[in-house]
C-alpha atoms as a PDB file:
ATOM      1  CA  MET A   1       0.000   0.000   0.000  1.00  0.00           C
ATOM      2  CA  ASP A   2       1.297   3.451  -0.854  1.00  0.00           C
ATOM      3  CA  ASP A   3       1.150   6.257   1.656  1.00  0.00           C
ATOM      4  CA  TYR A   4      -1.318   8.252  -0.438  1.00  0.00           C
ATOM      5  CA  GLY A   5      -4.396   6.062  -0.148  1.00  0.00           C
ATOM      6  CA  HIS A   6      -5.903   8.361   2.464  1.00  0.00           C
ATOM      7  CA  LEU A   7      -5.910  11.384   0.133  1.00  0.00           C
ATOM      8  CA  ASP A   8      -9.137  12.455  -1.541  1.00  0.00           C
ATOM      9  CA  LEU A   9      -8.007  13.856  -4.886  1.00  0.00           C
ATOM     10  CA  ASP A  10     -11.307  15.693  -5.294  1.00  0.00           C
ATOM     11  CA  GLU A  11     -10.447  17.751  -2.227  1.00  0.00           C
ATOM     12  CA  ILE A  12      -7.011  18.831  -3.465  1.00  0.00           C
ATOM     13  CA  ASP A  13      -6.743  22.112  -5.341  1.00  0.00           C
ATOM     14  CA  PHE A  14      -4.133  21.472  -8.030  1.00  0.00           C
ATOM     15  CA  ASP A  15      -2.299  24.591  -9.128  1.00  0.00           C
ATOM     16  CA  MET A  16      -1.761  24.287 -12.886  1.00  0.00           C
ATOM     17  CA  GLU A  17      -0.319  27.805 -13.221  1.00  0.00           C
ATOM     18  CA  PRO A  18       3.355  26.729 -12.923  1.00  0.00           C
ATOM     19  CA  MET A  19       2.895  24.579 -16.025  1.00  0.00           C
ATOM     20  CA  THR A  20       2.454  27.704 -18.132  1.00  0.00           C
ATOM     21  CA  ASP A  21       6.138  28.534 -17.645  1.00  0.00           C
ATOM     22  CA  ARG A  22       7.433  25.420 -19.397  1.00  0.00           C
ATOM     23  CA  LEU A  23       8.226  27.181 -22.657  1.00  0.00           C
ATOM     24  CA  ALA A  24      10.527  29.514 -20.811  1.00  0.00           C
ATOM     25  CA  LEU A  25      12.918  26.560 -20.589  1.00  0.00           C
ATOM     26  CA  LEU A  26      13.234  26.283 -24.378  1.00  0.00           C
ATOM     27  CA  THR A  27      15.637  28.335 -26.421  1.00  0.00           C
ATOM     28  CA  LEU A  28      14.128  30.395 -29.207  1.00  0.00           C
ATOM     29  CA  ASN A  29      15.473  27.973 -31.820  1.00  0.00           C
ATOM     30  CA  GLU A  30      14.060  24.992 -29.912  1.00  0.00           C
ATOM     31  CA  ALA A  31      10.647  26.644 -29.698  1.00  0.00           C
ATOM     32  CA  ARG A  32      10.696  27.355 -33.429  1.00  0.00           C
ATOM     33  CA  ASP A  33      11.742  23.768 -34.206  1.00  0.00           C
ATOM     34  CA  LEU A  34       8.977  22.436 -31.984  1.00  0.00           C
ATOM     35  CA  ARG A  35       6.436  24.682 -33.680  1.00  0.00           C
ATOM     36  CA  ARG A  36       7.528  23.426 -37.123  1.00  0.00           C
ATOM     37  CA  LEU A  37       7.189  19.833 -35.939  1.00  0.00           C
ATOM     38  CA  LEU A  38       3.734  20.501 -34.517  1.00  0.00           C
ATOM     39  CA  LEU A  39       2.648  22.160 -37.763  1.00  0.00           C
ATOM     40  CA  ALA A  40       3.810  19.097 -39.719  1.00  0.00           C
ATOM     41  CA  VAL A  41       1.767  16.837 -37.432  1.00  0.00           C
ATOM     42  CA  ALA A  42      -1.237  19.162 -37.746  1.00  0.00           C
ATOM     43  CA  GLN A  43      -1.080  19.046 -41.550  1.00  0.00           C
ATOM     44  CA  GLU A  44      -1.174  15.236 -41.619  1.00  0.00           C
ATOM     45  CA  GLY A  45      -4.808  15.281 -40.581  1.00  0.00           C
ATOM     46  CA  GLY A  46      -4.538  12.470 -38.037  1.00  0.00           C
ATOM     47  CA  PRO A  47      -6.252  12.229 -34.667  1.00  0.00           C
ATOM     48  CA  GLU A  48      -3.591  14.405 -33.013  1.00  0.00           C
ATOM     49  CA  SER A  49      -3.841  17.166 -35.643  1.00  0.00           C
ATOM     50  CA  PRO A  50      -6.195  19.474 -33.718  1.00  0.00           C
ATOM     51  CA  ASP A  51      -4.025  19.357 -30.594  1.00  0.00           C
ATOM     52  CA  ALA A  52      -0.842  19.849 -32.605  1.00  0.00           C
ATOM     53  CA  ALA A  53      -2.360  22.860 -34.372  1.00  0.00           C
ATOM     54  CA  ARG A  54      -3.482  24.349 -31.070  1.00  0.00           C
ATOM     55  CA  TRP A  55      -0.030  23.934 -29.496  1.00  0.00           C
ATOM     56  CA  ALA A  56       1.626  25.388 -32.593  1.00  0.00           C
ATOM     57  CA  ARG A  57      -0.588  28.474 -32.237  1.00  0.00           C
ATOM     58  CA  GLU A  58       0.215  28.717 -28.521  1.00  0.00           C
ATOM     59  CA  ILE A  59       3.946  28.611 -29.214  1.00  0.00           C
ATOM     60  CA  ALA A  60       3.647  31.128 -32.051  1.00  0.00           C
ATOM     61  CA  ALA A  61       1.901  33.540 -29.693  1.00  0.00           C
ATOM     62  CA  ARG A  62       4.803  33.360 -27.251  1.00  0.00           C
ATOM     63  CA  ILE A  63       7.834  33.688 -29.532  1.00  0.00           C
ATOM     64  CA  PRO A  64       8.944  36.346 -31.993  1.00  0.00           C
ATOM     65  CA  SER A  65       8.119  35.576 -35.605  1.00  0.00           C
ATOM     66  CA  GLU A  66      10.848  34.373 -37.927  1.00  0.00           C
ATOM     67  CA  ASP A  67      11.996  36.836 -40.571  1.00  0.00           C
END
């Protein structure tokens, strides 16, 4: 038995805000590469396409555009 069986997960207030800072850990080039990869996945039209397109838009909103 783990030591967490007594916890009621419905009673815990999870703070998701720190997760919004993840992109700060990427370099600008890494973020651009990731965006290109996500766009390629989005264009394939598979089941993950909508999520890939959404994440590509999110990244694009947070980084400077390429010239």
